[in-house]
């Protein structure tokens, strides 16, 4: 039976450990202003809903908005919740 041809491996067997070192990206975390805006949106939405429930019938522009008050309140709150996805 004939023997197989043996070829020399052109790729070195050992690799440099410098190429395999993990690199950390954005280790600083989330800026303070981002957190302030995020919590601000959530609190503003909650406050809007509470004011609408307690005194909405006494405030002129809230009476004109009608059911849109719920959209505004929940919209602000959901906007703050969506911003939590960017929080590190």
PDB file of N, CA and C in Angstrom:
ATOM      1  N   UNK A   1       0.840  -1.173   0.000  1.00  0.00           N
ATOM      2  CA  UNK A   1       0.000   0.000   0.000  1.00  0.00           C
ATOM      3  C   UNK A   1       0.892   1.245   0.000  1.00  0.00           C
ATOM      4  N   UNK A   2       0.579   2.257  -0.884  1.00  0.00           N
ATOM      5  CA  UNK A   2       1.424   3.447  -0.939  1.00  0.00           C
ATOM      6  C   UNK A   2       1.213   4.338   0.286  1.00  0.00           C
ATOM      7  N   UNK A   3       2.255   5.053   0.685  1.00  0.00           N
ATOM      8  CA  UNK A   3       2.180   5.973   1.826  1.00  0.00           C
ATOM      9  C   UNK A   3       1.660   7.326   1.347  1.00  0.00           C
ATOM     10  N   UNK A   4       0.924   8.022   2.251  1.00  0.00           N
ATOM     11  CA  UNK A   4       0.416   9.360   1.938  1.00  0.00           C
ATOM     12  C   UNK A   4       1.544  10.365   1.993  1.00  0.00           C
ATOM     13  N   UNK A   5       1.413  11.389   1.162  1.00  0.00           N
ATOM     14  CA  UNK A   5       2.429  12.433   1.162  1.00  0.00           C
ATOM     15  C   UNK A   5       2.273  13.279   2.431  1.00  0.00           C
ATOM     16  N   UNK A   6       3.330  13.597   3.058  1.00  0.00           N
ATOM     17  CA  UNK A   6       3.323  14.430   4.261  1.00  0.00           C
ATOM     18  C   UNK A   6       3.716  15.834   3.850  1.00  0.00           C
ATOM     19  N   UNK A   7       2.835  16.797   4.144  1.00  0.00           N
ATOM     20  CA  UNK A   7       3.124  18.191   3.818  1.00  0.00           C
ATOM     21  C   UNK A   7       3.478  18.943   5.086  1.00  0.00           C
ATOM     22  N   UNK A   8       4.279  19.941   4.912  1.00  0.00           N
ATOM     23  CA  UNK A   8       4.666  20.758   6.056  1.00  0.00           C
ATOM     24  C   UNK A   8       3.560  21.765   6.345  1.00  0.00           C
ATOM     25  N   UNK A   9       3.268  21.950   7.610  1.00  0.00           N
ATOM     26  CA  UNK A   9       2.240  22.901   8.044  1.00  0.00           C
ATOM     27  C   UNK A   9       2.832  24.305   8.010  1.00  0.00           C
ATOM     28  N   UNK A  10       2.222  25.206   7.252  1.00  0.00           N
ATOM     29  CA  UNK A  10       2.745  26.565   7.138  1.00  0.00           C
ATOM     30  C   UNK A  10       2.239  27.461   8.272  1.00  0.00           C
ATOM     31  N   UNK A  11       1.216  27.034   8.989  1.00  0.00           N
ATOM     32  CA  UNK A  11       0.688  27.816  10.102  1.00  0.00           C
ATOM     33  C   UNK A  11       1.410  27.391  11.369  1.00  0.00           C
ATOM     34  N   UNK A  12       1.956  28.347  12.114  1.00  0.00           N
ATOM     35  CA  UNK A  12       2.669  27.957  13.333  1.00  0.00           C
ATOM     36  C   UNK A  12       1.699  27.345  14.356  1.00  0.00           C
ATOM     37  N   UNK A  13       2.192  26.400  15.115  1.00  0.00           N
ATOM     38  CA  UNK A  13       1.365  25.683  16.086  1.00  0.00           C
ATOM     39  C   UNK A  13       1.021  26.554  17.289  1.00  0.00           C
ATOM     40  N   UNK A  14       1.883  27.466  17.661  1.00  0.00           N
ATOM     41  CA  UNK A  14       1.604  28.329  18.812  1.00  0.00           C
ATOM     42  C   UNK A  14       1.111  29.674  18.321  1.00  0.00           C
ATOM     43  N   UNK A  15       0.122  30.220  18.992  1.00  0.00           N
ATOM     44  CA  UNK A  15      -0.394  31.541  18.647  1.00  0.00           C
ATOM     45  C   UNK A  15      -0.056  32.506  19.767  1.00  0.00           C
ATOM     46  N   UNK A  16       0.011  33.741  19.420  1.00  0.00           N
ATOM     47  CA  UNK A  16       0.327  34.778  20.390  1.00  0.00           C
ATOM     48  C   UNK A  16      -0.851  34.985  21.336  1.00  0.00           C
ATOM     49  N   UNK A  17      -0.571  35.094  22.616  1.00  0.00           N
ATOM     50  CA  UNK A  17      -1.648  35.303  23.596  1.00  0.00           C
ATOM     51  C   UNK A  17      -2.161  36.747  23.547  1.00  0.00           C
ATOM     52  N   UNK A  18      -1.416  37.645  22.917  1.00  0.00           N
ATOM     53  CA  UNK A  18      -1.855  39.035  22.823  1.00  0.00           C
ATOM     54  C   UNK A  18      -3.094  39.162  21.947  1.00  0.00           C
ATOM     55  N   UNK A  19      -3.257  38.303  20.968  1.00  0.00           N
ATOM     56  CA  UNK A  19      -4.416  38.358  20.088  1.00  0.00           C
ATOM     57  C   UNK A  19      -5.671  37.821  20.763  1.00  0.00           C
ATOM     58  N   UNK A  20      -5.504  37.024  21.791  1.00  0.00           N
ATOM     59  CA  UNK A  20      -6.633  36.373  22.443  1.00  0.00           C
ATOM     60  C   UNK A  20      -7.084  37.110  23.704  1.00  0.00           C
ATOM     61  N   UNK A  21      -6.484  38.240  24.014  1.00  0.00           N
ATOM     62  CA  UNK A  21      -6.844  38.996  25.205  1.00  0.00           C
ATOM     63  C   UNK A  21      -8.157  39.728  24.965  1.00  0.00           C
ATOM     64  N   UNK A  22      -9.170  39.540  25.823  1.00  0.00           N
ATOM     65  CA  UNK A  22     -10.430  40.251  25.624  1.00  0.00           C
ATOM     66  C   UNK A  22     -10.266  41.746  25.862  1.00  0.00           C
ATOM     67  N   UNK A  23     -11.009  42.523  25.107  1.00  0.00           N
ATOM     68  CA  UNK A  23     -10.950  43.978  25.200  1.00  0.00           C
ATOM     69  C   UNK A  23     -12.265  44.465  25.776  1.00  0.00           C
ATOM     70  N   UNK A  24     -12.196  45.264  26.816  1.00  0.00           N
ATOM     71  CA  UNK A  24     -13.405  45.827  27.409  1.00  0.00           C
ATOM     72  C   UNK A  24     -13.735  47.133  26.701  1.00  0.00           C
ATOM     73  N   UNK A  25     -14.995  47.274  26.360  1.00  0.00           N
ATOM     74  CA  UNK A  25     -15.454  48.467  25.672  1.00  0.00           C
ATOM     75  C   UNK A  25     -16.462  49.172  26.563  1.00  0.00           C
ATOM     76  N   UNK A  26     -16.359  50.479  26.671  1.00  0.00           N
ATOM     77  CA  UNK A  26     -17.283  51.307  27.446  1.00  0.00           C
ATOM     78  C   UNK A  26     -17.352  50.840  28.905  1.00  0.00           C
ATOM     79  N   UNK A  27     -16.222  50.884  29.575  1.00  0.00           N
ATOM     80  CA  UNK A  27     -16.189  50.465  30.973  1.00  0.00           C
ATOM     81  C   UNK A  27     -16.622  51.576  31.908  1.00  0.00           C
ATOM     82  N   UNK A  28     -16.879  52.758  31.376  1.00  0.00           N
ATOM     83  CA  UNK A  28     -17.239  53.892  32.218  1.00  0.00           C
ATOM     84  C   UNK A  28     -18.652  53.822  32.748  1.00  0.00           C
ATOM     85  N   UNK A  29     -19.522  53.023  32.167  1.00  0.00           N
ATOM     86  CA  UNK A  29     -20.904  52.953  32.618  1.00  0.00           C
ATOM     87  C   UNK A  29     -21.751  54.037  31.981  1.00  0.00           C
ATOM     88  N   UNK A  30     -22.963  54.165  32.481  1.00  0.00           N
ATOM     89  CA  UNK A  30     -23.907  55.131  31.948  1.00  0.00           C
ATOM     90  C   UNK A  30     -23.662  56.502  32.586  1.00  0.00           C
ATOM     91  N   UNK A  31     -23.678  57.570  31.788  1.00  0.00           N
ATOM     92  CA  UNK A  31     -23.487  58.897  32.367  1.00  0.00           C
ATOM     93  C   UNK A  31     -24.638  59.277  33.297  1.00  0.00           C
ATOM     94  N   UNK A  32     -24.339  60.172  34.211  1.00  0.00           N
ATOM     95  CA  UNK A  32     -25.334  60.598  35.200  1.00  0.00           C
ATOM     96  C   UNK A  32     -26.512  61.287  34.521  1.00  0.00           C
ATOM     97  N   UNK A  33     -26.261  62.067  33.471  1.00  0.00           N
ATOM     98  CA  UNK A  33     -27.354  62.788  32.816  1.00  0.00           C
ATOM     99  C   UNK A  33     -28.341  61.821  32.176  1.00  0.00           C
ATOM    100  N   UNK A  34     -27.864  60.680  31.688  1.00  0.00           N
ATOM    101  CA  UNK A  34     -28.755  59.692  31.068  1.00  0.00           C
ATOM    102  C   UNK A  34     -29.699  59.108  32.114  1.00  0.00           C
ATOM    103  N   UNK A  35     -29.152  58.786  33.277  1.00  0.00           N
ATOM    104  CA  UNK A  35     -29.978  58.242  34.355  1.00  0.00           C
ATOM    105  C   UNK A  35     -31.002  59.274  34.825  1.00  0.00           C
ATOM    106  N   UNK A  36     -30.577  60.528  34.911  1.00  0.00           N
ATOM    107  CA  UNK A  36     -31.486  61.586  35.362  1.00  0.00           C
ATOM    108  C   UNK A  36     -32.650  61.761  34.386  1.00  0.00           C
ATOM    109  N   UNK A  37     -32.369  61.746  33.098  1.00  0.00           N
ATOM    110  CA  UNK A  37     -33.429  61.890  32.099  1.00  0.00           C
ATOM    111  C   UNK A  37     -34.346  60.668  32.116  1.00  0.00           C
ATOM    112  N   UNK A  38     -33.758  59.486  32.251  1.00  0.00           N
ATOM    113  CA  UNK A  38     -34.541  58.248  32.264  1.00  0.00           C
ATOM    114  C   UNK A  38     -35.514  58.242  33.442  1.00  0.00           C
ATOM    115  N   UNK A  39     -35.007  58.493  34.644  1.00  0.00           N
ATOM    116  CA  UNK A  39     -35.888  58.513  35.813  1.00  0.00           C
ATOM    117  C   UNK A  39     -36.839  59.708  35.767  1.00  0.00           C
ATOM    118  N   UNK A  40     -36.396  60.797  35.145  1.00  0.00           N
ATOM    119  CA  UNK A  40     -37.266  61.962  34.994  1.00  0.00           C
ATOM    120  C   UNK A  40     -38.484  61.661  34.139  1.00  0.00           C
ATOM    121  N   UNK A  41     -38.278  60.952  33.027  1.00  0.00           N
ATOM    122  CA  UNK A  41     -39.407  60.560  32.185  1.00  0.00           C
ATOM    123  C   UNK A  41     -40.383  59.662  32.935  1.00  0.00           C
ATOM    124  N   UNK A  42     -39.835  58.696  33.675  1.00  0.00           N
ATOM    125  CA  UNK A  42     -40.713  57.784  34.405  1.00  0.00           C
ATOM    126  C   UNK A  42     -41.504  58.517  35.485  1.00  0.00           C
ATOM    127  N   UNK A  43     -40.834  59.402  36.210  1.00  0.00           N
ATOM    128  CA  UNK A  43     -41.531  60.148  37.266  1.00  0.00           C
ATOM    129  C   UNK A  43     -42.514  61.161  36.689  1.00  0.00           C
ATOM    130  N   UNK A  44     -42.167  61.767  35.560  1.00  0.00           N
ATOM    131  CA  UNK A  44     -43.088  62.717  34.928  1.00  0.00           C
ATOM    132  C   UNK A  44     -44.348  62.008  34.444  1.00  0.00           C
ATOM    133  N   UNK A  45     -44.194  60.827  33.870  1.00  0.00           N
ATOM    134  CA  UNK A  45     -45.360  60.058  33.434  1.00  0.00           C
ATOM    135  C   UNK A  45     -46.232  59.649  34.607  1.00  0.00           C
ATOM    136  N   UNK A  46     -45.611  59.210  35.678  1.00  0.00           N
ATOM    137  CA  UNK A  46     -46.363  58.827  36.875  1.00  0.00           C
ATOM    138  C   UNK A  46     -47.059  60.035  37.482  1.00  0.00           C
ATOM    139  N   UNK A  47     -46.363  61.157  37.551  1.00  0.00           N
ATOM    140  CA  UNK A  47     -46.965  62.375  38.092  1.00  0.00           C
ATOM    141  C   UNK A  47     -48.131  62.846  37.225  1.00  0.00           C
ATOM    142  N   UNK A  48     -47.973  62.747  35.906  1.00  0.00           N
ATOM    143  CA  UNK A  48     -49.048  63.158  34.998  1.00  0.00           C
ATOM    144  C   UNK A  48     -50.313  62.340  35.251  1.00  0.00           C
ATOM    145  N   UNK A  49     -50.141  61.028  35.410  1.00  0.00           N
ATOM    146  CA  UNK A  49     -51.288  60.154  35.659  1.00  0.00           C
ATOM    147  C   UNK A  49     -51.929  60.437  37.017  1.00  0.00           C
ATOM    148  N   UNK A  50     -51.111  60.683  38.032  1.00  0.00           N
ATOM    149  CA  UNK A  50     -51.649  60.960  39.368  1.00  0.00           C
ATOM    150  C   UNK A  50     -52.397  62.280  39.381  1.00  0.00           C
ATOM    151  N   UNK A  51     -51.806  63.317  38.782  1.00  0.00           N
ATOM    152  CA  UNK A  51     -52.481  64.624  38.735  1.00  0.00           C
ATOM    153  C   UNK A  51     -53.763  64.521  37.923  1.00  0.00           C
ATOM    154  N   UNK A  52     -53.747  63.790  36.839  1.00  0.00           N
ATOM    155  CA  UNK A  52     -54.947  63.610  36.030  1.00  0.00           C
ATOM    156  C   UNK A  52     -56.042  62.915  36.836  1.00  0.00           C
ATOM    157  N   UNK A  53     -55.660  61.937  37.616  1.00  0.00           N
ATOM    158  CA  UNK A  53     -56.649  61.199  38.400  1.00  0.00           C
ATOM    159  C   UNK A  53     -57.215  62.045  39.546  1.00  0.00           C
ATOM    160  N   UNK A  54     -56.338  62.776  40.233  1.00  0.00           N
ATOM    161  CA  UNK A  54     -56.774  63.530  41.415  1.00  0.00           C
ATOM    162  C   UNK A  54     -57.397  64.881  41.083  1.00  0.00           C
ATOM    163  N   UNK A  55     -56.818  65.615  40.138  1.00  0.00           N
ATOM    164  CA  UNK A  55     -57.286  66.982  39.897  1.00  0.00           C
ATOM    165  C   UNK A  55     -57.455  67.299  38.423  1.00  0.00           C
ATOM    166  N   UNK A  56     -57.559  66.297  37.568  1.00  0.00           N
ATOM    167  CA  UNK A  56     -57.663  66.541  36.130  1.00  0.00           C
ATOM    168  C   UNK A  56     -58.916  67.292  35.738  1.00  0.00           C
ATOM    169  N   UNK A  57     -59.999  67.103  36.471  1.00  0.00           N
ATOM    170  CA  UNK A  57     -61.253  67.776  36.134  1.00  0.00           C
ATOM    171  C   UNK A  57     -61.224  69.260  36.513  1.00  0.00           C
ATOM    172  N   UNK A  58     -60.248  69.687  37.302  1.00  0.00           N
ATOM    173  CA  UNK A  58     -60.136  71.097  37.703  1.00  0.00           C
ATOM    174  C   UNK A  58     -59.116  71.867  36.864  1.00  0.00           C
ATOM    175  N   UNK A  59     -58.313  71.198  36.102  1.00  0.00           N
ATOM    176  CA  UNK A  59     -57.272  71.835  35.292  1.00  0.00           C
ATOM    177  C   UNK A  59     -57.781  71.920  33.859  1.00  0.00           C
ATOM    178  N   UNK A  60     -57.812  73.136  33.334  1.00  0.00           N
ATOM    179  CA  UNK A  60     -58.437  73.408  32.038  1.00  0.00           C
ATOM    180  C   UNK A  60     -57.886  72.613  30.875  1.00  0.00           C
ATOM    181  N   UNK A  61     -56.565  72.642  30.692  1.00  0.00           N
ATOM    182  CA  UNK A  61     -56.007  71.959  29.520  1.00  0.00           C
ATOM    183  C   UNK A  61     -56.106  70.446  29.649  1.00  0.00           C
ATOM    184  N   UNK A  62     -56.146  69.938  30.872  1.00  0.00           N
ATOM    185  CA  UNK A  62     -56.303  68.486  31.042  1.00  0.00           C
ATOM    186  C   UNK A  62     -57.731  68.055  30.716  1.00  0.00           C
ATOM    187  N   UNK A  63     -58.688  68.927  30.973  1.00  0.00           N
ATOM    188  CA  UNK A  63     -60.074  68.614  30.613  1.00  0.00           C
ATOM    189  C   UNK A  63     -60.203  68.552  29.098  1.00  0.00           C
ATOM    190  N   UNK A  64     -59.523  69.480  28.403  1.00  0.00           N
ATOM    191  CA  UNK A  64     -59.573  69.504  26.940  1.00  0.00           C
ATOM    192  C   UNK A  64     -58.878  68.287  26.324  1.00  0.00           C
ATOM    193  N   UNK A  65     -57.832  67.791  26.973  1.00  0.00           N
ATOM    194  CA  UNK A  65     -57.116  66.629  26.440  1.00  0.00           C
ATOM    195  C   UNK A  65     -57.929  65.348  26.568  1.00  0.00           C
ATOM    196  N   UNK A  66     -58.731  65.268  27.594  1.00  0.00           N
ATOM    197  CA  UNK A  66     -59.592  64.097  27.775  1.00  0.00           C
ATOM    198  C   UNK A  66     -58.802  62.814  27.965  1.00  0.00           C
ATOM    199  N   UNK A  67     -59.108  61.823  27.141  1.00  0.00           N
ATOM    200  CA  UNK A  67     -58.458  60.521  27.273  1.00  0.00           C
ATOM    201  C   UNK A  67     -56.996  60.539  26.837  1.00  0.00           C
ATOM    202  N   UNK A  68     -56.573  61.595  26.138  1.00  0.00           N
ATOM    203  CA  UNK A  68     -55.170  61.700  25.731  1.00  0.00           C
ATOM    204  C   UNK A  68     -54.247  61.839  26.934  1.00  0.00           C
ATOM    205  N   UNK A  69     -54.792  62.205  28.083  1.00  0.00           N
ATOM    206  CA  UNK A  69     -53.971  62.284  29.294  1.00  0.00           C
ATOM    207  C   UNK A  69     -53.342  60.927  29.620  1.00  0.00           C
ATOM    208  N   UNK A  70     -54.096  59.853  29.401  1.00  0.00           N
ATOM    209  CA  UNK A  70     -53.541  58.521  29.654  1.00  0.00           C
ATOM    210  C   UNK A  70     -52.430  58.204  28.671  1.00  0.00           C
ATOM    211  N   UNK A  71     -52.608  58.598  27.420  1.00  0.00           N
ATOM    212  CA  UNK A  71     -51.564  58.386  26.417  1.00  0.00           C
ATOM    213  C   UNK A  71     -50.295  59.144  26.745  1.00  0.00           C
ATOM    214  N   UNK A  72     -50.451  60.384  27.210  1.00  0.00           N
ATOM    215  CA  UNK A  72     -49.286  61.193  27.570  1.00  0.00           C
ATOM    216  C   UNK A  72     -48.577  60.590  28.777  1.00  0.00           C
ATOM    217  N   UNK A  73     -49.341  60.263  29.819  1.00  0.00           N
ATOM    218  CA  UNK A  73     -48.745  59.713  31.039  1.00  0.00           C
ATOM    219  C   UNK A  73     -48.043  58.388  30.793  1.00  0.00           C
ATOM    220  N   UNK A  74     -48.751  57.461  30.140  1.00  0.00           N
ATOM    221  CA  UNK A  74     -48.137  56.167  29.868  1.00  0.00           C
ATOM    222  C   UNK A  74     -47.018  56.283  28.844  1.00  0.00           C
ATOM    223  N   UNK A  75     -47.140  57.208  27.907  1.00  0.00           N
ATOM    224  CA  UNK A  75     -46.081  57.410  26.917  1.00  0.00           C
ATOM    225  C   UNK A  75     -44.786  57.871  27.562  1.00  0.00           C
ATOM    226  N   UNK A  76     -44.871  58.823  28.487  1.00  0.00           N
ATOM    227  CA  UNK A  76     -43.672  59.279  29.189  1.00  0.00           C
ATOM    228  C   UNK A  76     -43.065  58.153  30.018  1.00  0.00           C
ATOM    229  N   UNK A  77     -43.928  57.395  30.679  1.00  0.00           N
ATOM    230  CA  UNK A  77     -43.443  56.299  31.509  1.00  0.00           C
ATOM    231  C   UNK A  77     -42.764  55.219  30.669  1.00  0.00           C
ATOM    232  N   UNK A  78     -43.361  54.860  29.550  1.00  0.00           N
ATOM    233  CA  UNK A  78     -42.786  53.835  28.675  1.00  0.00           C
ATOM    234  C   UNK A  78     -41.494  54.338  28.041  1.00  0.00           C
ATOM    235  N   UNK A  79     -41.420  55.616  27.727  1.00  0.00           N
ATOM    236  CA  UNK A  79     -40.184  56.178  27.193  1.00  0.00           C
ATOM    237  C   UNK A  79     -39.045  56.016  28.194  1.00  0.00           C
ATOM    238  N   UNK A  80     -39.329  56.271  29.469  1.00  0.00           N
ATOM    239  CA  UNK A  80     -38.323  56.051  30.508  1.00  0.00           C
ATOM    240  C   UNK A  80     -37.947  54.582  30.627  1.00  0.00           C
ATOM    241  N   UNK A  81     -38.925  53.702  30.520  1.00  0.00           N
ATOM    242  CA  UNK A  81     -38.644  52.268  30.594  1.00  0.00           C
ATOM    243  C   UNK A  81     -37.806  51.800  29.398  1.00  0.00           C
ATOM    244  N   UNK A  82     -38.072  52.354  28.218  1.00  0.00           N
ATOM    245  CA  UNK A  82     -37.271  51.987  27.050  1.00  0.00           C
ATOM    246  C   UNK A  82     -35.821  52.462  27.195  1.00  0.00           C
ATOM    247  N   UNK A  83     -35.647  53.565  27.894  1.00  0.00           N
ATOM    248  CA  UNK A  83     -34.290  54.063  28.100  1.00  0.00           C
ATOM    249  C   UNK A  83     -33.491  53.149  29.031  1.00  0.00           C
ATOM    250  N   UNK A  84     -34.165  52.339  29.838  1.00  0.00           N
ATOM    251  CA  UNK A  84     -33.426  51.433  30.728  1.00  0.00           C
ATOM    252  C   UNK A  84     -32.628  50.395  29.939  1.00  0.00           C
ATOM    253  N   UNK A  85     -32.995  50.161  28.687  1.00  0.00           N
ATOM    254  CA  UNK A  85     -32.228  49.212  27.875  1.00  0.00           C
ATOM    255  C   UNK A  85     -30.837  49.733  27.550  1.00  0.00           C
ATOM    256  N   UNK A  86     -30.650  51.029  27.599  1.00  0.00           N
ATOM    257  CA  UNK A  86     -29.320  51.599  27.345  1.00  0.00           C
ATOM    258  C   UNK A  86     -28.521  51.837  28.607  1.00  0.00           C
ATOM    259  N   UNK A  87     -29.087  51.457  29.743  1.00  0.00           N
ATOM    260  CA  UNK A  87     -28.430  51.681  31.027  1.00  0.00           C
ATOM    261  C   UNK A  87     -27.439  50.551  31.281  1.00  0.00           C
ATOM    262  N   UNK A  88     -26.204  50.888  31.582  1.00  0.00           N
ATOM    263  CA  UNK A  88     -25.174  49.877  31.861  1.00  0.00           C
ATOM    264  C   UNK A  88     -24.656  50.037  33.258  1.00  0.00           C
TER     265      UNK A  88
END
